[in-house]
Amino acid sequence: MNKIRYYSNFVMIAVYLGLGLLFFFTNIAEETVPSYRKELGATMMIYAVVRTFLVIRKHKRDNGNEF
C-alpha cells in the first residue's frame, strides 16, 4: 500500500507540473482563467517542486535514512 501511495504522489507531482507548464506557456483555458495565467502557472510549478522535496524527505525518513 505504501508503494501505491508513493507512486501516486509522483503522479500528482507530474499533474501539477504539467498544468503549471500549460498555464505558463500556452493559451489553454484562456476563457476560464483570463488573468493571472503566468502567476498561476508559476505557483503550480513551485508547488510541484516543494511537494517533490517533501515526498522524498518523507520516504527517506520512513526508511530510516535521515535526510
C-alpha atoms as a PDB file:
ATOM      1  CA  MET A   1       0.000   0.000   0.000  1.00  0.00           C
ATOM      2  CA  ASN A   2       2.869   2.385   0.743  1.00  0.00           C
ATOM      3  CA  LYS A   3       4.310   1.863  -2.751  1.00  0.00           C
ATOM      4  CA  ILE A   4       0.964   2.799  -4.299  1.00  0.00           C
ATOM      5  CA  ARG A   5       0.849   5.966  -2.192  1.00  0.00           C
ATOM      6  CA  TYR A   6       4.488   6.753  -3.013  1.00  0.00           C
ATOM      7  CA  TYR A   7       3.972   6.440  -6.771  1.00  0.00           C
ATOM      8  CA  SER A   8       0.617   8.219  -6.739  1.00  0.00           C
ATOM      9  CA  ASN A   9       2.391  11.182  -5.120  1.00  0.00           C
ATOM     10  CA  PHE A  10       4.681  11.360  -8.147  1.00  0.00           C
ATOM     11  CA  VAL A  11       1.692  11.134 -10.499  1.00  0.00           C
ATOM     12  CA  MET A  12       0.178  14.152  -8.750  1.00  0.00           C
ATOM     13  CA  ILE A  13       3.508  15.977  -8.958  1.00  0.00           C
ATOM     14  CA  ALA A  14       3.542  15.330 -12.719  1.00  0.00           C
ATOM     15  CA  VAL A  15      -0.042  16.628 -12.977  1.00  0.00           C
ATOM     16  CA  TYR A  16       0.808  19.843 -11.099  1.00  0.00           C
ATOM     17  CA  LEU A  17       3.955  20.357 -13.144  1.00  0.00           C
ATOM     18  CA  GLY A  18       2.136  19.686 -16.413  1.00  0.00           C
ATOM     19  CA  LEU A  19      -0.720  22.044 -15.599  1.00  0.00           C
ATOM     20  CA  GLY A  20       1.747  24.686 -14.455  1.00  0.00           C
ATOM     21  CA  LEU A  21       3.653  24.436 -17.722  1.00  0.00           C
ATOM     22  CA  LEU A  22       0.422  24.556 -19.714  1.00  0.00           C
ATOM     23  CA  PHE A  23      -0.793  27.678 -17.921  1.00  0.00           C
ATOM     24  CA  PHE A  24       2.615  29.320 -18.158  1.00  0.00           C
ATOM     25  CA  PHE A  25       3.436  28.626 -21.815  1.00  0.00           C
ATOM     26  CA  THR A  26       0.121  28.080 -23.672  1.00  0.00           C
ATOM     27  CA  ASN A  27      -3.312  29.653 -24.026  1.00  0.00           C
ATOM     28  CA  ILE A  28      -5.222  26.644 -22.704  1.00  0.00           C
ATOM     29  CA  ALA A  29      -8.385  27.570 -20.757  1.00  0.00           C
ATOM     30  CA  GLU A  30      -7.901  31.239 -21.562  1.00  0.00           C
ATOM     31  CA  GLU A  31     -11.654  31.825 -21.456  1.00  0.00           C
ATOM     32  CA  THR A  32     -11.951  30.303 -17.977  1.00  0.00           C
ATOM     33  CA  VAL A  33      -8.876  31.949 -16.446  1.00  0.00           C
ATOM     34  CA  PRO A  34      -8.236  35.131 -18.448  1.00  0.00           C
ATOM     35  CA  SER A  35      -5.917  36.867 -15.994  1.00  0.00           C
ATOM     36  CA  TYR A  36      -3.006  35.848 -13.769  1.00  0.00           C
ATOM     37  CA  ARG A  37      -2.142  32.908 -16.004  1.00  0.00           C
ATOM     38  CA  LYS A  38       1.627  33.256 -15.608  1.00  0.00           C
ATOM     39  CA  GLU A  39       1.336  33.603 -11.841  1.00  0.00           C
ATOM     40  CA  LEU A  40      -0.930  30.540 -11.617  1.00  0.00           C
ATOM     41  CA  GLY A  41       1.464  28.500 -13.757  1.00  0.00           C
ATOM     42  CA  ALA A  42       4.475  29.560 -11.699  1.00  0.00           C
ATOM     43  CA  THR A  43       2.657  28.764  -8.461  1.00  0.00           C
ATOM     44  CA  MET A  44       1.730  25.283  -9.654  1.00  0.00           C
ATOM     45  CA  MET A  45       5.311  24.575 -10.765  1.00  0.00           C
ATOM     46  CA  ILE A  46       6.721  25.792  -7.441  1.00  0.00           C
ATOM     47  CA  TYR A  47       4.195  23.632  -5.580  1.00  0.00           C
ATOM     48  CA  ALA A  48       5.279  20.608  -7.642  1.00  0.00           C
ATOM     49  CA  VAL A  49       8.912  21.207  -6.625  1.00  0.00           C
ATOM     50  CA  VAL A  50       8.007  21.655  -2.944  1.00  0.00           C
ATOM     51  CA  ARG A  51       5.829  18.549  -2.992  1.00  0.00           C
ATOM     52  CA  THR A  52       8.654  16.562  -4.610  1.00  0.00           C
ATOM     53  CA  PHE A  53      11.027  17.622  -1.860  1.00  0.00           C
ATOM     54  CA  LEU A  54       8.507  16.708   0.855  1.00  0.00           C
ATOM     55  CA  VAL A  55       7.709  13.286  -0.644  1.00  0.00           C
ATOM     56  CA  ILE A  56      11.371  12.351  -0.985  1.00  0.00           C
ATOM     57  CA  ARG A  57      12.157  13.560   2.531  1.00  0.00           C
ATOM     58  CA  LYS A  58       9.239  11.563   3.983  1.00  0.00           C
ATOM     59  CA  HIS A  59      10.263   8.445   2.074  1.00  0.00           C
ATOM     60  CA  LYS A  60      13.836   8.683   3.332  1.00  0.00           C
ATOM     61  CA  ARG A  61      12.642   9.283   6.895  1.00  0.00           C
ATOM     62  CA  ASP A  62      10.283   6.293   6.766  1.00  0.00           C
ATOM     63  CA  ASN A  63      13.065   4.039   5.512  1.00  0.00           C
ATOM     64  CA  GLY A  64      15.426   5.099   8.285  1.00  0.00           C
ATOM     65  CA  ASN A  65      17.709   7.162   6.068  1.00  0.00           C
ATOM     66  CA  GLU A  66      17.880  10.591   7.658  1.00  0.00           C
ATOM     67  CA  PHE A  67      17.922  13.434   5.160  1.00  0.00           C
END
